[in-house]
Structure formats: C-alpha cells, structure tokens
PDB file of N, CA and C in Angstrom:
ATOM      1  N   MET A   1      -4.862  54.279  97.101  1.00  0.00           N
ATOM      2  CA  MET A   1      -5.772  53.252  97.594  1.00  0.00           C
ATOM      3  C   MET A   1      -5.011  51.933  97.650  1.00  0.00           C
ATOM      4  N   ASN A   2      -5.203  51.194  98.699  1.00  0.00           N
ATOM      5  CA  ASN A   2      -4.549  49.913  98.875  1.00  0.00           C
ATOM      6  C   ASN A   2      -5.033  48.927  97.816  1.00  0.00           C
ATOM      7  N   GLY A   3      -4.105  48.220  97.173  1.00  0.00           N
ATOM      8  CA  GLY A   3      -4.441  47.317  96.084  1.00  0.00           C
ATOM      9  C   GLY A   3      -5.377  46.188  96.477  1.00  0.00           C
ATOM     10  N   THR A   4      -5.203  45.656  97.674  1.00  0.00           N
ATOM     11  CA  THR A   4      -6.041  44.547  98.116  1.00  0.00           C
ATOM     12  C   THR A   4      -7.494  44.978  98.271  1.00  0.00           C
ATOM     13  N   TYR A   5      -7.703  46.106  98.910  1.00  0.00           N
ATOM     14  CA  TYR A   5      -9.069  46.593  99.096  1.00  0.00           C
ATOM     15  C   TYR A   5      -9.686  47.018  97.774  1.00  0.00           C
ATOM     16  N   PHE A   6      -8.870  47.583  96.920  1.00  0.00           N
ATOM     17  CA  PHE A   6      -9.350  48.033  95.624  1.00  0.00           C
ATOM     18  C   PHE A   6      -9.866  46.862  94.797  1.00  0.00           C
ATOM     19  N   LEU A   7      -9.088  45.801  94.717  1.00  0.00           N
ATOM     20  CA  LEU A   7      -9.512  44.631  93.947  1.00  0.00           C
ATOM     21  C   LEU A   7     -10.722  43.949  94.580  1.00  0.00           C
ATOM     22  N   SER A   8     -10.778  43.939  95.891  1.00  0.00           N
ATOM     23  CA  SER A   8     -11.948  43.358  96.562  1.00  0.00           C
ATOM     24  C   SER A   8     -13.210  44.148  96.237  1.00  0.00           C
ATOM     25  N   LEU A   9     -13.115  45.466  96.259  1.00  0.00           N
ATOM     26  CA  LEU A   9     -14.263  46.294  95.887  1.00  0.00           C
ATOM     27  C   LEU A   9     -14.665  46.055  94.444  1.00  0.00           C
ATOM     28  N   LEU A  10     -13.684  45.938  93.583  1.00  0.00           N
ATOM     29  CA  LEU A  10     -13.961  45.727  92.166  1.00  0.00           C
ATOM     30  C   LEU A  10     -14.671  44.398  91.925  1.00  0.00           C
ATOM     31  N   VAL A  11     -14.247  43.375  92.621  1.00  0.00           N
ATOM     32  CA  VAL A  11     -14.823  42.049  92.413  1.00  0.00           C
ATOM     33  C   VAL A  11     -16.176  41.892  93.103  1.00  0.00           C
ATOM     34  N   PHE A  12     -16.297  42.394  94.321  1.00  0.00           N
ATOM     35  CA  PHE A  12     -17.494  42.123  95.111  1.00  0.00           C
ATOM     36  C   PHE A  12     -18.572  43.196  95.047  1.00  0.00           C
ATOM     37  N   SER A  13     -18.310  44.317  94.416  1.00  0.00           N
ATOM     38  CA  SER A  13     -19.346  45.358  94.337  1.00  0.00           C
ATOM     39  C   SER A  13     -20.583  44.916  93.549  1.00  0.00           C
ATOM     40  N   PRO A  14     -20.464  44.110  92.501  1.00  0.00           N
ATOM     41  CA  PRO A  14     -21.690  43.642  91.841  1.00  0.00           C
ATOM     42  C   PRO A  14     -22.549  42.725  92.718  1.00  0.00           C
ATOM     43  N   LEU A  15     -21.946  42.096  93.704  1.00  0.00           N
ATOM     44  CA  LEU A  15     -22.718  41.217  94.587  1.00  0.00           C
ATOM     45  C   LEU A  15     -23.759  41.987  95.389  1.00  0.00           C
ATOM     46  N   VAL A  16     -23.458  43.215  95.724  1.00  0.00           N
ATOM     47  CA  VAL A  16     -24.425  44.043  96.449  1.00  0.00           C
ATOM     48  C   VAL A  16     -25.658  44.254  95.579  1.00  0.00           C
ATOM     49  N   GLY A  17     -25.433  44.552  94.300  1.00  0.00           N
ATOM     50  CA  GLY A  17     -26.555  44.728  93.381  1.00  0.00           C
ATOM     51  C   GLY A  17     -27.350  43.454  93.189  1.00  0.00           C
ATOM     52  N   ILE A  18     -26.665  42.337  93.134  1.00  0.00           N
ATOM     53  CA  ILE A  18     -27.346  41.054  92.976  1.00  0.00           C
ATOM     54  C   ILE A  18     -28.226  40.765  94.190  1.00  0.00           C
ATOM     55  N   LEU A  19     -27.697  41.044  95.375  1.00  0.00           N
ATOM     56  CA  LEU A  19     -28.484  40.824  96.592  1.00  0.00           C
ATOM     57  C   LEU A  19     -29.708  41.732  96.636  1.00  0.00           C
ATOM     58  N   LEU A  20     -29.551  42.973  96.211  1.00  0.00           N
ATOM     59  CA  LEU A  20     -30.703  43.875  96.168  1.00  0.00           C
ATOM     60  C   LEU A  20     -31.728  43.419  95.140  1.00  0.00           C
ATOM     61  N   LEU A  21     -31.264  42.951  94.000  1.00  0.00           N
ATOM     62  CA  LEU A  21     -32.177  42.480  92.959  1.00  0.00           C
ATOM     63  C   LEU A  21     -32.971  41.254  93.398  1.00  0.00           C
ATOM     64  N   ALA A  22     -32.399  40.475  94.281  1.00  0.00           N
ATOM     65  CA  ALA A  22     -33.089  39.270  94.745  1.00  0.00           C
ATOM     66  C   ALA A  22     -34.360  39.592  95.527  1.00  0.00           C
ATOM     67  N   PHE A  23     -34.441  40.795  96.070  1.00  0.00           N
ATOM     68  CA  PHE A  23     -35.591  41.159  96.895  1.00  0.00           C
ATOM     69  C   PHE A  23     -36.606  42.043  96.181  1.00  0.00           C
ATOM     70  N   VAL A  24     -36.386  42.318  94.908  1.00  0.00           N
ATOM     71  CA  VAL A  24     -37.335  43.137  94.145  1.00  0.00           C
ATOM     72  C   VAL A  24     -38.357  42.206  93.493  1.00  0.00           C
ATOM     73  N   PRO A  25     -39.638  42.493  93.628  1.00  0.00           N
ATOM     74  CA  PRO A  25     -40.666  41.646  93.000  1.00  0.00           C
ATOM     75  C   PRO A  25     -40.544  41.635  91.472  1.00  0.00           C
ATOM     76  N   LYS A  26     -40.910  40.507  90.866  1.00  0.00           N
ATOM     77  CA  LYS A  26     -40.813  40.354  89.416  1.00  0.00           C
ATOM     78  C   LYS A  26     -41.686  41.342  88.660  1.00  0.00           C
ATOM     79  N   THR A  27     -42.719  41.825  89.292  1.00  0.00           N
ATOM     80  CA  THR A  27     -43.650  42.730  88.614  1.00  0.00           C
ATOM     81  C   THR A  27     -43.065  44.122  88.397  1.00  0.00           C
ATOM     82  N   GLN A  28     -42.031  44.475  89.109  1.00  0.00           N
ATOM     83  CA  GLN A  28     -41.420  45.798  88.982  1.00  0.00           C
ATOM     84  C   GLN A  28     -40.248  45.746  88.007  1.00  0.00           C
ATOM     85  N   GLU A  29     -40.567  45.566  86.730  1.00  0.00           N
ATOM     86  CA  GLU A  29     -39.537  45.385  85.713  1.00  0.00           C
ATOM     87  C   GLU A  29     -38.641  46.606  85.561  1.00  0.00           C
ATOM     88  N   ARG A  30     -39.236  47.779  85.609  1.00  0.00           N
ATOM     89  CA  ARG A  30     -38.441  48.995  85.435  1.00  0.00           C
ATOM     90  C   ARG A  30     -37.439  49.170  86.580  1.00  0.00           C
ATOM     91  N   THR A  31     -37.871  48.867  87.784  1.00  0.00           N
ATOM     92  CA  THR A  31     -36.976  48.950  88.942  1.00  0.00           C
ATOM     93  C   THR A  31     -35.839  47.948  88.814  1.00  0.00           C
ATOM     94  N   ILE A  32     -36.146  46.761  88.334  1.00  0.00           N
ATOM     95  CA  ILE A  32     -35.122  45.733  88.151  1.00  0.00           C
ATOM     96  C   ILE A  32     -34.079  46.187  87.138  1.00  0.00           C
ATOM     97  N   LYS A  33     -34.530  46.774  86.043  1.00  0.00           N
ATOM     98  CA  LYS A  33     -33.595  47.240  85.013  1.00  0.00           C
ATOM     99  C   LYS A  33     -32.692  48.351  85.538  1.00  0.00           C
ATOM    100  N   TRP A  34     -33.280  49.315  86.245  1.00  0.00           N
ATOM    101  CA  TRP A  34     -32.483  50.420  86.762  1.00  0.00           C
ATOM    102  C   TRP A  34     -31.534  49.960  87.865  1.00  0.00           C
ATOM    103  N   LEU A  35     -31.991  49.092  88.709  1.00  0.00           N
ATOM    104  CA  LEU A  35     -31.132  48.592  89.776  1.00  0.00           C
ATOM    105  C   LEU A  35     -29.978  47.765  89.202  1.00  0.00           C
ATOM    106  N   GLY A  36     -30.267  46.985  88.175  1.00  0.00           N
ATOM    107  CA  GLY A  36     -29.207  46.242  87.509  1.00  0.00           C
ATOM    108  C   GLY A  36     -28.184  47.155  86.866  1.00  0.00           C
ATOM    109  N   PHE A  37     -28.665  48.207  86.236  1.00  0.00           N
ATOM    110  CA  PHE A  37     -27.760  49.179  85.615  1.00  0.00           C
ATOM    111  C   PHE A  37     -26.923  49.900  86.663  1.00  0.00           C
ATOM    112  N   LEU A  38     -27.571  50.372  87.713  1.00  0.00           N
ATOM    113  CA  LEU A  38     -26.861  51.123  88.745  1.00  0.00           C
ATOM    114  C   LEU A  38     -25.882  50.257  89.533  1.00  0.00           C
ATOM    115  N   SER A  39     -26.169  48.970  89.628  1.00  0.00           N
ATOM    116  CA  SER A  39     -25.258  48.095  90.368  1.00  0.00           C
ATOM    117  C   SER A  39     -23.986  47.789  89.580  1.00  0.00           C
ATOM    118  N   THR A  40     -23.987  48.037  88.272  1.00  0.00           N
ATOM    119  CA  THR A  40     -22.775  47.819  87.482  1.00  0.00           C
ATOM    120  C   THR A  40     -21.867  49.044  87.442  1.00  0.00           C
ATOM    121  N   LEU A  41     -22.390  50.204  87.796  1.00  0.00           N
ATOM    122  CA  LEU A  41     -21.597  51.429  87.722  1.00  0.00           C
ATOM    123  C   LEU A  41     -20.362  51.438  88.631  1.00  0.00           C
ATOM    124  N   PRO A  42     -20.438  50.973  89.871  1.00  0.00           N
ATOM    125  CA  PRO A  42     -19.208  50.963  90.679  1.00  0.00           C
ATOM    126  C   PRO A  42     -18.093  50.127  90.048  1.00  0.00           C
ATOM    127  N   SER A  43     -18.430  49.003  89.457  1.00  0.00           N
ATOM    128  CA  SER A  43     -17.413  48.180  88.804  1.00  0.00           C
ATOM    129  C   SER A  43     -16.817  48.897  87.602  1.00  0.00           C
ATOM    130  N   LEU A  44     -17.664  49.571  86.852  1.00  0.00           N
ATOM    131  CA  LEU A  44     -17.176  50.323  85.698  1.00  0.00           C
ATOM    132  C   LEU A  44     -16.230  51.431  86.130  1.00  0.00           C
ATOM    133  N   ILE A  45     -16.629  52.188  87.121  1.00  0.00           N
ATOM    134  CA  ILE A  45     -15.802  53.303  87.588  1.00  0.00           C
ATOM    135  C   ILE A  45     -14.478  52.803  88.169  1.00  0.00           C
ATOM    136  N   LEU A  46     -14.533  51.762  88.971  1.00  0.00           N
ATOM    137  CA  LEU A  46     -13.306  51.218  89.558  1.00  0.00           C
ATOM    138  C   LEU A  46     -12.386  50.619  88.505  1.00  0.00           C
ATOM    139  N   SER A  47     -12.940  49.950  87.509  1.00  0.00           N
ATOM    140  CA  SER A  47     -12.091  49.372  86.471  1.00  0.00           C
ATOM    141  C   SER A  47     -11.481  50.456  85.590  1.00  0.00           C
ATOM    142  N   LEU A  48     -12.206  51.533  85.325  1.00  0.00           N
ATOM    143  CA  LEU A  48     -11.626  52.653  84.578  1.00  0.00           C
ATOM    144  C   LEU A  48     -10.512  53.322  85.380  1.00  0.00           C
ATOM    145  N   PHE A  49     -10.716  53.462  86.678  1.00  0.00           N
ATOM    146  CA  PHE A  49      -9.675  54.014  87.540  1.00  0.00           C
ATOM    147  C   PHE A  49      -8.424  53.133  87.508  1.00  0.00           C
ATOM    148  N   ALA A  50      -8.603  51.828  87.575  1.00  0.00           N
ATOM    149  CA  ALA A  50      -7.467  50.904  87.527  1.00  0.00           C
ATOM    150  C   ALA A  50      -6.755  50.990  86.186  1.00  0.00           C
ATOM    151  N   PHE A  51      -7.501  51.131  85.117  1.00  0.00           N
ATOM    152  CA  PHE A  51      -6.911  51.237  83.789  1.00  0.00           C
ATOM    153  C   PHE A  51      -6.077  52.509  83.662  1.00  0.00           C
ATOM    154  N   VAL A  52      -6.605  53.612  84.137  1.00  0.00           N
ATOM    155  CA  VAL A  52      -5.869  54.879  84.063  1.00  0.00           C
ATOM    156  C   VAL A  52      -4.612  54.816  84.921  1.00  0.00           C
ATOM    157  N   GLN A  53      -4.710  54.233  86.095  1.00  0.00           N
ATOM    158  CA  GLN A  53      -3.535  54.099  86.952  1.00  0.00           C
ATOM    159  C   GLN A  53      -2.490  53.197  86.309  1.00  0.00           C
ATOM    160  N   TYR A  54      -2.917  52.178  85.620  1.00  0.00           N
ATOM    161  CA  TYR A  54      -1.986  51.278  84.943  1.00  0.00           C
ATOM    162  C   TYR A  54      -1.263  52.008  83.818  1.00  0.00           C
ATOM    163  N   LEU A  55      -1.989  52.830  83.076  1.00  0.00           N
ATOM    164  CA  LEU A  55      -1.370  53.582  81.990  1.00  0.00           C
ATOM    165  C   LEU A  55      -0.342  54.582  82.507  1.00  0.00           C
ATOM    166  N   ARG A  56      -0.537  55.087  83.689  1.00  0.00           N
ATOM    167  CA  ARG A  56       0.408  56.035  84.288  1.00  0.00           C
ATOM    168  C   ARG A  56       1.627  55.337  84.876  1.00  0.00           C
ATOM    169  N   GLY A  57       1.627  54.024  84.896  1.00  0.00           N
ATOM    170  CA  GLY A  57       2.756  53.280  85.426  1.00  0.00           C
ATOM    171  C   GLY A  57       2.631  52.929  86.895  1.00  0.00           C
ATOM    172  N   TYR A  58       1.467  53.129  87.473  1.00  0.00           N
ATOM    173  CA  TYR A  58       1.232  52.797  88.878  1.00  0.00           C
ATOM    174  C   TYR A  58       0.853  51.328  88.972  1.00  0.00           C
ATOM    175  N   ARG A  59       1.678  50.529  89.646  1.00  0.00           N
ATOM    176  CA  ARG A  59       1.372  49.106  89.775  1.00  0.00           C
ATOM    177  C   ARG A  59       1.479  48.670  91.197  1.00  0.00           C
TER     178      ARG A  59
END
C-alpha cells in the first residue's frame, strides 16, 4: 500500500464517523454510541497494520 494514501486514510477515516454522527438525532443514544465505536475501528485496524509493518522492518 502506498504510504501517502495509507497515512491519509489513517488520519481522515475518523472524520467520516464524525460527519455521520453530526446527522444522528440526540435522542438515539444507542445509535450514537455504536456509530462512534464503529467509526474508530478503521483507525485501529490501520494503525495496527502500520505497527506490524514497522516491526517487520518495512518503512
């Protein structure tokens, strides 16, 4: 994976979740919690992938 695109995905993927959360009504608390949780997963997965690649010596 190209480093530039990878870092861009890592940095900007939470913004998609933030934008989605902006349109959820305040009364739907459970939906807000799940959407917040699910919007952090891409960053977690990408950062773990970057960590593993770093440990293997891929820079």
